Amino acid sequence: MPAQVKVRILGVGMGPQHVTPEVAEALRAADYVLAAEKTDDDPLLALRREIVRAHPGPDGPIEVVAVRDPERDRSPGLTSSGYEAAVTDWHAARAAEYAAHLTERGGTAAFLVWGDPSLYDSTIRIVEKVRDHLTLSSVGLDYDVLPGISAPQLLAARHRIVLHEVGRPVHVTTGRRLQEAVAAGLDNIVAMLNPPPERLDFTGLADWTIWWGANLGAAGERLVTGRLGDVVAAIGEARAAAEVQDGWVMDLFLVRKT
């Protein structure tokens, strides 16, 4: 059993082309990558392997260790509290799996985080739970975090816009909480972690402008913009097309009252 392990939490944007020199250097120096495997042919695991191949160490690409991802309750009717409880349980199960692998392997492990680790990603929280597990086994864990290109940055760049008007704020939330933000009087909102548009509540927003994107930086990238009431059907079609082409879909949007 190792006395100490190290974890590097690395933001990788959406692929090899977004990996910064700082992150590439850290990846090359790691002993292996720990990565969740959601299905037998997980396309996002394949993309992580592509990132590793694009930034090999002195002896070639480092090993990607696939860790079967625990199941999470994804019932569409979950309340906000039910969703948060489901995520908490999922994170705890993930932490236990990662702790077991780190205890067995030791050394320096890297986690490759889509976008940036600071924004709607829980790898940092999970690694902190892993540290608690390892402490019980008398194994120390040190970790650091390197930033990556975030999804809102990519969305703004693709649409050639600024995320906020001059001197105004931008509110970042989830699609699940979109109407909470609107009810609070916010009128310039980025929403991430979104379900399909037919499950989003766009009540009262038909005349707002939307800048939407899916799978930014991937082969299946799709963009839609316009008056929300006019383009919501097109967003659904584009989202489905992105998922078919890439085998996965991650989308986000900016909505602004105009």
C-alpha atoms as a PDB file:
ATOM      1  CA  MET A   1       0.000   0.000   0.000  1.00  0.00           C
ATOM      2  CA  PRO A   2       1.462   3.394  -0.963  1.00  0.00           C
ATOM      3  CA  ALA A   3       2.116   5.958   1.771  1.00  0.00           C
ATOM      4  CA  GLN A   4       1.279   8.882  -0.518  1.00  0.00           C
ATOM      5  CA  VAL A   5      -0.443   9.395  -3.861  1.00  0.00           C
ATOM      6  CA  LYS A   6      -0.788  12.488  -6.040  1.00  0.00           C
ATOM      7  CA  VAL A   7      -3.701  13.538  -8.220  1.00  0.00           C
ATOM      8  CA  ARG A   8      -3.616  16.107 -11.035  1.00  0.00           C
ATOM      9  CA  ILE A   9      -7.045  17.507 -11.966  1.00  0.00           C
ATOM     10  CA  LEU A  10      -6.608  18.769 -15.517  1.00  0.00           C
ATOM     11  CA  GLY A  11      -9.042  20.897 -17.514  1.00  0.00           C
ATOM     12  CA  VAL A  12      -8.939  19.737 -21.145  1.00  0.00           C
ATOM     13  CA  GLY A  13     -11.655  21.771 -22.855  1.00  0.00           C
ATOM     14  CA  MET A  14     -13.332  19.507 -25.396  1.00  0.00           C
ATOM     15  CA  GLY A  15     -10.381  17.710 -26.926  1.00  0.00           C
ATOM     16  CA  PRO A  16      -6.660  17.640 -27.800  1.00  0.00           C
ATOM     17  CA  GLN A  17      -6.801  21.026 -29.520  1.00  0.00           C
ATOM     18  CA  HIS A  18      -7.879  22.727 -26.284  1.00  0.00           C
ATOM     19  CA  VAL A  19      -5.175  21.290 -24.025  1.00  0.00           C
ATOM     20  CA  THR A  20      -2.905  24.072 -22.783  1.00  0.00           C
ATOM     21  CA  PRO A  21       0.893  23.625 -22.644  1.00  0.00           C
ATOM     22  CA  GLU A  22       0.676  23.615 -18.830  1.00  0.00           C
ATOM     23  CA  VAL A  23      -1.883  20.802 -18.829  1.00  0.00           C
ATOM     24  CA  ALA A  24       0.017  18.857 -21.510  1.00  0.00           C
ATOM     25  CA  GLU A  25       3.174  18.971 -19.397  1.00  0.00           C
ATOM     26  CA  ALA A  26       1.295  17.708 -16.331  1.00  0.00           C
ATOM     27  CA  LEU A  27      -0.327  14.922 -18.367  1.00  0.00           C
ATOM     28  CA  ARG A  28       2.997  13.737 -19.757  1.00  0.00           C
ATOM     29  CA  ALA A  29       4.441  13.570 -16.230  1.00  0.00           C
ATOM     30  CA  ALA A  30       1.562  11.527 -14.750  1.00  0.00           C
ATOM     31  CA  ASP A  31       1.748   7.758 -14.328  1.00  0.00           C
ATOM     32  CA  TYR A  32      -1.787   7.051 -15.525  1.00  0.00           C
ATOM     33  CA  VAL A  33      -5.216   8.592 -16.120  1.00  0.00           C
ATOM     34  CA  LEU A  34      -8.255   7.513 -14.130  1.00  0.00           C
ATOM     35  CA  ALA A  35     -11.404   7.862 -16.227  1.00  0.00           C
ATOM     36  CA  ALA A  36     -15.044   6.945 -15.753  1.00  0.00           C
ATOM     37  CA  GLU A  37     -16.431   4.378 -18.179  1.00  0.00           C
ATOM     38  CA  LYS A  38     -20.180   4.853 -18.537  1.00  0.00           C
ATOM     39  CA  THR A  39     -20.854   2.165 -21.169  1.00  0.00           C
ATOM     40  CA  ASP A  40     -18.966  -0.645 -22.886  1.00  0.00           C
ATOM     41  CA  ASP A  41     -18.245   1.609 -25.865  1.00  0.00           C
ATOM     42  CA  ASP A  42     -18.182   4.963 -24.048  1.00  0.00           C
ATOM     43  CA  PRO A  43     -17.341   7.599 -26.713  1.00  0.00           C
ATOM     44  CA  LEU A  44     -16.148  10.096 -24.090  1.00  0.00           C
ATOM     45  CA  LEU A  45     -13.674   7.534 -22.784  1.00  0.00           C
ATOM     46  CA  ALA A  46     -12.468   7.172 -26.381  1.00  0.00           C
ATOM     47  CA  LEU A  47     -12.030  10.961 -26.569  1.00  0.00           C
ATOM     48  CA  ARG A  48      -9.959  10.910 -23.368  1.00  0.00           C
ATOM     49  CA  ARG A  49      -7.730   8.253 -24.950  1.00  0.00           C
ATOM     50  CA  GLU A  50      -7.372  10.525 -27.997  1.00  0.00           C
ATOM     51  CA  ILE A  51      -6.222  13.367 -25.737  1.00  0.00           C
ATOM     52  CA  VAL A  52      -3.634  11.105 -24.097  1.00  0.00           C
ATOM     53  CA  ARG A  53      -2.332   9.930 -27.482  1.00  0.00           C
ATOM     54  CA  ALA A  54      -1.984  13.533 -28.637  1.00  0.00           C
ATOM     55  CA  HIS A  55       0.197  14.404 -25.635  1.00  0.00           C
ATOM     56  CA  PRO A  56       2.431  11.366 -24.993  1.00  0.00           C
ATOM     57  CA  GLY A  57       5.081  11.113 -22.314  1.00  0.00           C
ATOM     58  CA  PRO A  58       8.731  10.192 -22.963  1.00  0.00           C
ATOM     59  CA  ASP A  59       7.800   6.510 -23.217  1.00  0.00           C
ATOM     60  CA  GLY A  60       4.638   7.054 -25.244  1.00  0.00           C
ATOM     61  CA  PRO A  61       1.025   7.675 -24.182  1.00  0.00           C
ATOM     62  CA  ILE A  62       0.356   6.954 -20.530  1.00  0.00           C
ATOM     63  CA  GLU A  63      -2.167   4.316 -19.511  1.00  0.00           C
ATOM     64  CA  VAL A  64      -5.856   5.190 -19.278  1.00  0.00           C
ATOM     65  CA  VAL A  65      -7.430   3.178 -16.471  1.00  0.00           C
ATOM     66  CA  ALA A  66     -11.167   2.809 -17.068  1.00  0.00           C
ATOM     67  CA  VAL A  67     -13.282   2.779 -13.917  1.00  0.00           C
ATOM     68  CA  ARG A  68     -16.841   1.580 -14.377  1.00  0.00           C
ATOM     69  CA  ASP A  69     -19.072   4.504 -13.437  1.00  0.00           C
ATOM     70  CA  PRO A  70     -21.662   3.780 -10.719  1.00  0.00           C
ATOM     71  CA  GLU A  71     -25.304   4.163 -11.706  1.00  0.00           C
ATOM     72  CA  ARG A  72     -27.079   7.424 -10.880  1.00  0.00           C
ATOM     73  CA  ASP A  73     -30.805   8.047 -10.503  1.00  0.00           C
ATOM     74  CA  ARG A  74     -31.676  10.015 -13.657  1.00  0.00           C
ATOM     75  CA  SER A  75     -35.461   9.956 -13.292  1.00  0.00           C
ATOM     76  CA  PRO A  76     -36.869  12.917 -15.271  1.00  0.00           C
ATOM     77  CA  GLY A  77     -39.345  13.760 -12.494  1.00  0.00           C
ATOM     78  CA  LEU A  78     -36.748  14.318  -9.759  1.00  0.00           C
ATOM     79  CA  THR A  79     -37.250  17.424  -7.638  1.00  0.00           C
ATOM     80  CA  SER A  80     -34.269  19.717  -7.013  1.00  0.00           C
ATOM     81  CA  SER A  81     -33.678  18.096  -3.633  1.00  0.00           C
ATOM     82  CA  GLY A  82     -34.073  14.614  -5.123  1.00  0.00           C
ATOM     83  CA  TYR A  83     -31.590  15.458  -7.876  1.00  0.00           C
ATOM     84  CA  GLU A  84     -29.058  16.780  -5.355  1.00  0.00           C
ATOM     85  CA  ALA A  85     -29.430  13.640  -3.211  1.00  0.00           C
ATOM     86  CA  ALA A  86     -28.940  11.412  -6.259  1.00  0.00           C
ATOM     87  CA  VAL A  87     -25.785  13.296  -7.241  1.00  0.00           C
ATOM     88  CA  THR A  88     -24.426  13.121  -3.675  1.00  0.00           C
ATOM     89  CA  ASP A  89     -24.876   9.333  -3.612  1.00  0.00           C
ATOM     90  CA  TRP A  90     -23.291   9.024  -7.061  1.00  0.00           C
ATOM     91  CA  HIS A  91     -20.266  11.090  -6.024  1.00  0.00           C
ATOM     92  CA  ALA A  92     -19.777   8.959  -2.902  1.00  0.00           C
ATOM     93  CA  ALA A  93     -19.827   5.770  -4.981  1.00  0.00           C
ATOM     94  CA  ARG A  94     -17.379   7.271  -7.488  1.00  0.00           C
ATOM     95  CA  ALA A  95     -15.025   8.330  -4.706  1.00  0.00           C
ATOM     96  CA  ALA A  96     -14.970   4.814  -3.258  1.00  0.00           C
ATOM     97  CA  GLU A  97     -14.087   3.335  -6.670  1.00  0.00           C
ATOM     98  CA  TYR A  98     -11.311   5.850  -7.319  1.00  0.00           C
ATOM     99  CA  ALA A  99      -9.896   5.402  -3.813  1.00  0.00           C
ATOM    100  CA  ALA A 100      -9.600   1.656  -4.390  1.00  0.00           C
ATOM    101  CA  HIS A 101      -7.664   2.167  -7.637  1.00  0.00           C
ATOM    102  CA  LEU A 102      -5.368   4.797  -6.141  1.00  0.00           C
ATOM    103  CA  THR A 103      -4.621   2.585  -3.156  1.00  0.00           C
ATOM    104  CA  GLU A 104      -3.710  -0.286  -5.457  1.00  0.00           C
ATOM    105  CA  ARG A 105      -1.642   1.702  -7.958  1.00  0.00           C
ATOM    106  CA  GLY A 106      -0.185   4.649  -6.039  1.00  0.00           C
ATOM    107  CA  GLY A 107       1.962   7.107  -7.998  1.00  0.00           C
ATOM    108  CA  THR A 108       0.527  10.126  -9.801  1.00  0.00           C
ATOM    109  CA  ALA A 109      -2.923   9.893 -11.368  1.00  0.00           C
ATOM    110  CA  ALA A 110      -4.550  12.433 -13.667  1.00  0.00           C
ATOM    111  CA  PHE A 111      -8.241  13.185 -14.097  1.00  0.00           C
ATOM    112  CA  LEU A 112      -9.165  14.788 -17.430  1.00  0.00           C
ATOM    113  CA  VAL A 113     -12.035  17.214 -16.894  1.00  0.00           C
ATOM    114  CA  TRP A 114     -14.204  18.492 -19.744  1.00  0.00           C
ATOM    115  CA  GLY A 115     -14.090  22.271 -19.949  1.00  0.00           C
ATOM    116  CA  ASP A 116     -12.712  23.753 -16.740  1.00  0.00           C
ATOM    117  CA  PRO A 117     -12.738  22.026 -13.324  1.00  0.00           C
ATOM    118  CA  SER A 118     -14.169  25.127 -11.627  1.00  0.00           C
ATOM    119  CA  LEU A 119     -17.468  25.248 -13.499  1.00  0.00           C
ATOM    120  CA  TYR A 120     -20.250  22.637 -13.199  1.00  0.00           C
ATOM    121  CA  ASP A 121     -17.876  19.763 -12.663  1.00  0.00           C
ATOM    122  CA  SER A 122     -17.491  17.847  -9.417  1.00  0.00           C
ATOM    123  CA  THR A 123     -14.080  16.219  -9.833  1.00  0.00           C
ATOM    124  CA  ILE A 124     -12.565  18.451  -7.139  1.00  0.00           C
ATOM    125  CA  ARG A 125     -15.339  17.523  -4.691  1.00  0.00           C
ATOM    126  CA  ILE A 126     -14.959  13.832  -5.510  1.00  0.00           C
ATOM    127  CA  VAL A 127     -11.184  13.921  -5.042  1.00  0.00           C
ATOM    128  CA  GLU A 128     -11.716  15.516  -1.637  1.00  0.00           C
ATOM    129  CA  LYS A 129     -13.967  12.556  -0.771  1.00  0.00           C
ATOM    130  CA  VAL A 130     -11.274  10.216  -2.099  1.00  0.00           C
ATOM    131  CA  ARG A 131      -8.795  11.858   0.259  1.00  0.00           C
ATOM    132  CA  ASP A 132     -11.110  11.089   3.176  1.00  0.00           C
ATOM    133  CA  HIS A 133     -11.256   7.426   2.109  1.00  0.00           C
ATOM    134  CA  LEU A 134      -7.482   7.193   1.829  1.00  0.00           C
ATOM    135  CA  THR A 135      -6.937   8.874   5.189  1.00  0.00           C
ATOM    136  CA  LEU A 136      -8.832   6.006   6.806  1.00  0.00           C
ATOM    137  CA  SER A 137      -6.287   3.662   5.197  1.00  0.00           C
ATOM    138  CA  SER A 138      -3.334   5.825   6.331  1.00  0.00           C
ATOM    139  CA  VAL A 139      -2.584   6.876   2.751  1.00  0.00           C
ATOM    140  CA  GLY A 140      -1.905  10.554   2.110  1.00  0.00           C
ATOM    141  CA  LEU A 141      -3.257  12.339  -0.980  1.00  0.00           C
ATOM    142  CA  ASP A 142      -2.004  15.579  -2.486  1.00  0.00           C
ATOM    143  CA  TYR A 143      -3.783  17.147  -5.463  1.00  0.00           C
ATOM    144  CA  ASP A 144      -3.637  20.210  -7.649  1.00  0.00           C
ATOM    145  CA  VAL A 145      -5.903  21.733 -10.301  1.00  0.00           C
ATOM    146  CA  LEU A 146      -4.984  23.169 -13.694  1.00  0.00           C
ATOM    147  CA  PRO A 147      -7.561  25.200 -15.656  1.00  0.00           C
ATOM    148  CA  GLY A 148      -8.981  24.447 -19.077  1.00  0.00           C
ATOM    149  CA  ILE A 149     -11.097  26.216 -21.686  1.00  0.00           C
ATOM    150  CA  SER A 150     -14.658  26.349 -20.347  1.00  0.00           C
ATOM    151  CA  ALA A 151     -17.858  25.656 -22.269  1.00  0.00           C
ATOM    152  CA  PRO A 152     -19.159  29.263 -21.897  1.00  0.00           C
ATOM    153  CA  GLN A 153     -15.879  30.521 -23.357  1.00  0.00           C
ATOM    154  CA  LEU A 154     -16.298  28.232 -26.355  1.00  0.00           C
ATOM    155  CA  LEU A 155     -19.953  29.221 -26.776  1.00  0.00           C
ATOM    156  CA  ALA A 156     -19.065  32.917 -26.849  1.00  0.00           C
ATOM    157  CA  ALA A 157     -16.214  32.355 -29.277  1.00  0.00           C
ATOM    158  CA  ARG A 158     -18.288  30.259 -31.675  1.00  0.00           C
ATOM    159  CA  HIS A 159     -21.095  32.832 -31.768  1.00  0.00           C
ATOM    160  CA  ARG A 160     -18.627  35.761 -31.798  1.00  0.00           C
ATOM    161  CA  ILE A 161     -20.313  37.453 -28.861  1.00  0.00           C
ATOM    162  CA  VAL A 162     -19.541  38.809 -25.416  1.00  0.00           C
ATOM    163  CA  LEU A 163     -21.426  36.921 -22.697  1.00  0.00           C
ATOM    164  CA  HIS A 164     -22.662  40.154 -21.116  1.00  0.00           C
ATOM    165  CA  GLU A 165     -23.559  43.644 -22.238  1.00  0.00           C
ATOM    166  CA  VAL A 166     -21.348  46.590 -21.261  1.00  0.00           C
ATOM    167  CA  GLY A 167     -21.012  46.803 -17.500  1.00  0.00           C
ATOM    168  CA  ARG A 168     -23.706  44.151 -16.938  1.00  0.00           C
ATOM    169  CA  PRO A 169     -23.519  40.755 -15.204  1.00  0.00           C
ATOM    170  CA  VAL A 170     -23.996  37.280 -16.611  1.00  0.00           C
ATOM    171  CA  HIS A 171     -25.643  34.612 -14.475  1.00  0.00           C
ATOM    172  CA  VAL A 172     -24.482  31.000 -14.894  1.00  0.00           C
ATOM    173  CA  THR A 173     -26.859  28.254 -13.789  1.00  0.00           C
ATOM    174  CA  THR A 174     -28.336  24.938 -14.921  1.00  0.00           C
ATOM    175  CA  GLY A 175     -31.279  24.328 -17.220  1.00  0.00           C
ATOM    176  CA  ARG A 176     -33.133  22.876 -14.247  1.00  0.00           C
ATOM    177  CA  ARG A 177     -32.895  26.270 -12.491  1.00  0.00           C
ATOM    178  CA  LEU A 178     -33.554  28.507 -15.493  1.00  0.00           C
ATOM    179  CA  GLN A 179     -36.966  29.687 -14.339  1.00  0.00           C
ATOM    180  CA  GLU A 180     -35.631  30.404 -10.839  1.00  0.00           C
ATOM    181  CA  ALA A 181     -33.158  32.825 -12.401  1.00  0.00           C
ATOM    182  CA  VAL A 182     -35.866  34.465 -14.524  1.00  0.00           C
ATOM    183  CA  ALA A 183     -38.141  34.828 -11.485  1.00  0.00           C
ATOM    184  CA  ALA A 184     -35.282  36.556  -9.651  1.00  0.00           C
ATOM    185  CA  GLY A 185     -35.221  39.242 -12.348  1.00  0.00           C
ATOM    186  CA  LEU A 186     -32.095  38.027 -14.145  1.00  0.00           C
ATOM    187  CA  ASP A 187     -32.188  38.584 -17.885  1.00  0.00           C
ATOM    188  CA  ASN A 188     -28.767  37.458 -19.170  1.00  0.00           C
ATOM    189  CA  ILE A 189     -28.363  33.782 -18.334  1.00  0.00           C
ATOM    190  CA  VAL A 190     -26.002  30.977 -19.328  1.00  0.00           C
ATOM    191  CA  ALA A 191     -27.517  27.534 -18.708  1.00  0.00           C
ATOM    192  CA  MET A 192     -25.469  24.323 -18.588  1.00  0.00           C
ATOM    193  CA  LEU A 193     -26.167  20.638 -17.821  1.00  0.00           C
ATOM    194  CA  ASN A 194     -29.294  20.804 -19.933  1.00  0.00           C
ATOM    195  CA  PRO A 195     -31.832  18.113 -20.794  1.00  0.00           C
ATOM    196  CA  PRO A 196     -33.408  18.116 -24.274  1.00  0.00           C
ATOM    197  CA  PRO A 197     -35.292  21.366 -25.016  1.00  0.00           C
ATOM    198  CA  GLU A 198     -38.699  19.707 -24.709  1.00  0.00           C
ATOM    199  CA  ARG A 199     -37.871  19.148 -21.017  1.00  0.00           C
ATOM    200  CA  LEU A 200     -36.746  22.740 -20.430  1.00  0.00           C
ATOM    201  CA  ASP A 201     -39.160  25.362 -19.175  1.00  0.00           C
ATOM    202  CA  PHE A 202     -38.932  28.315 -21.575  1.00  0.00           C
ATOM    203  CA  THR A 203     -42.169  29.887 -20.338  1.00  0.00           C
ATOM    204  CA  GLY A 204     -42.158  33.643 -20.926  1.00  0.00           C
ATOM    205  CA  LEU A 205     -38.925  33.599 -22.921  1.00  0.00           C
ATOM    206  CA  ALA A 206     -40.250  33.340 -26.495  1.00  0.00           C
ATOM    207  CA  ASP A 207     -39.100  36.880 -27.352  1.00  0.00           C
ATOM    208  CA  TRP A 208     -35.666  36.502 -25.748  1.00  0.00           C
ATOM    209  CA  THR A 209     -32.596  35.859 -27.908  1.00  0.00           C
ATOM    210  CA  ILE A 210     -30.816  32.538 -27.520  1.00  0.00           C
ATOM    211  CA  TRP A 211     -27.294  31.555 -28.481  1.00  0.00           C
ATOM    212  CA  TRP A 212     -27.116  27.771 -28.270  1.00  0.00           C
ATOM    213  CA  GLY A 213     -24.375  25.236 -28.933  1.00  0.00           C
ATOM    214  CA  ALA A 214     -23.778  21.496 -28.601  1.00  0.00           C
ATOM    215  CA  ASN A 215     -20.588  19.407 -28.613  1.00  0.00           C
ATOM    216  CA  LEU A 216     -18.456  22.494 -29.089  1.00  0.00           C
ATOM    217  CA  GLY A 217     -15.089  21.611 -30.558  1.00  0.00           C
ATOM    218  CA  ALA A 218     -16.177  18.104 -31.579  1.00  0.00           C
ATOM    219  CA  ALA A 219     -17.059  16.777 -35.026  1.00  0.00           C
ATOM    220  CA  GLY A 220     -20.777  17.003 -34.234  1.00  0.00           C
ATOM    221  CA  GLU A 221     -20.676  20.641 -33.166  1.00  0.00           C
ATOM    222  CA  ARG A 222     -23.977  22.455 -33.781  1.00  0.00           C
ATOM    223  CA  LEU A 223     -24.903  26.123 -33.307  1.00  0.00           C
ATOM    224  CA  VAL A 224     -28.290  27.860 -33.347  1.00  0.00           C
ATOM    225  CA  THR A 225     -29.175  31.468 -32.576  1.00  0.00           C
ATOM    226  CA  GLY A 226     -32.249  33.644 -32.923  1.00  0.00           C
ATOM    227  CA  ARG A 227     -35.513  34.547 -31.230  1.00  0.00           C
ATOM    228  CA  LEU A 228     -36.102  31.656 -28.857  1.00  0.00           C
ATOM    229  CA  GLY A 229     -39.708  31.088 -29.878  1.00  0.00           C
ATOM    230  CA  ASP A 230     -38.629  30.794 -33.522  1.00  0.00           C
ATOM    231  CA  VAL A 231     -35.668  28.430 -33.083  1.00  0.00           C
ATOM    232  CA  VAL A 232     -36.570  26.062 -30.237  1.00  0.00           C
ATOM    233  CA  ALA A 233     -37.612  23.325 -32.682  1.00  0.00           C
ATOM    234  CA  ALA A 234     -34.361  23.751 -34.612  1.00  0.00           C
ATOM    235  CA  ILE A 235     -32.421  23.389 -31.348  1.00  0.00           C
ATOM    236  CA  GLY A 236     -34.089  20.049 -30.683  1.00  0.00           C
ATOM    237  CA  GLU A 237     -33.195  18.817 -34.146  1.00  0.00           C
ATOM    238  CA  ALA A 238     -29.606  20.057 -33.909  1.00  0.00           C
ATOM    239  CA  ARG A 239     -29.135  18.494 -30.477  1.00  0.00           C
ATOM    240  CA  ALA A 240     -30.332  15.125 -31.755  1.00  0.00           C
ATOM    241  CA  ALA A 241     -28.025  15.367 -34.782  1.00  0.00           C
ATOM    242  CA  ALA A 242     -25.015  16.143 -32.563  1.00  0.00           C
ATOM    243  CA  GLU A 243     -25.716  13.100 -30.416  1.00  0.00           C
ATOM    244  CA  VAL A 244     -26.051  10.844 -33.463  1.00  0.00           C
ATOM    245  CA  GLN A 245     -22.782  12.060 -34.966  1.00  0.00           C
ATOM    246  CA  ASP A 246     -20.619  11.958 -31.809  1.00  0.00           C
ATOM    247  CA  GLY A 247     -22.415   9.336 -29.735  1.00  0.00           C
ATOM    248  CA  TRP A 248     -22.834  11.821 -26.865  1.00  0.00           C
ATOM    249  CA  VAL A 249     -24.204  15.310 -26.393  1.00  0.00           C
ATOM    250  CA  MET A 250     -23.333  18.238 -24.110  1.00  0.00           C
ATOM    251  CA  ASP A 251     -25.044  21.522 -24.796  1.00  0.00           C
ATOM    252  CA  LEU A 252     -25.437  24.955 -23.256  1.00  0.00           C
ATOM    253  CA  PHE A 253     -26.930  28.291 -24.155  1.00  0.00           C
ATOM    254  CA  LEU A 254     -27.050  31.978 -23.382  1.00  0.00           C
ATOM    255  CA  VAL A 255     -30.501  33.604 -23.230  1.00  0.00           C
ATOM    256  CA  ARG A 256     -30.886  37.382 -23.070  1.00  0.00           C
ATOM    257  CA  LYS A 257     -33.934  39.596 -22.811  1.00  0.00           C
ATOM    258  CA  THR A 258     -33.964  41.884 -25.840  1.00  0.00           C
END
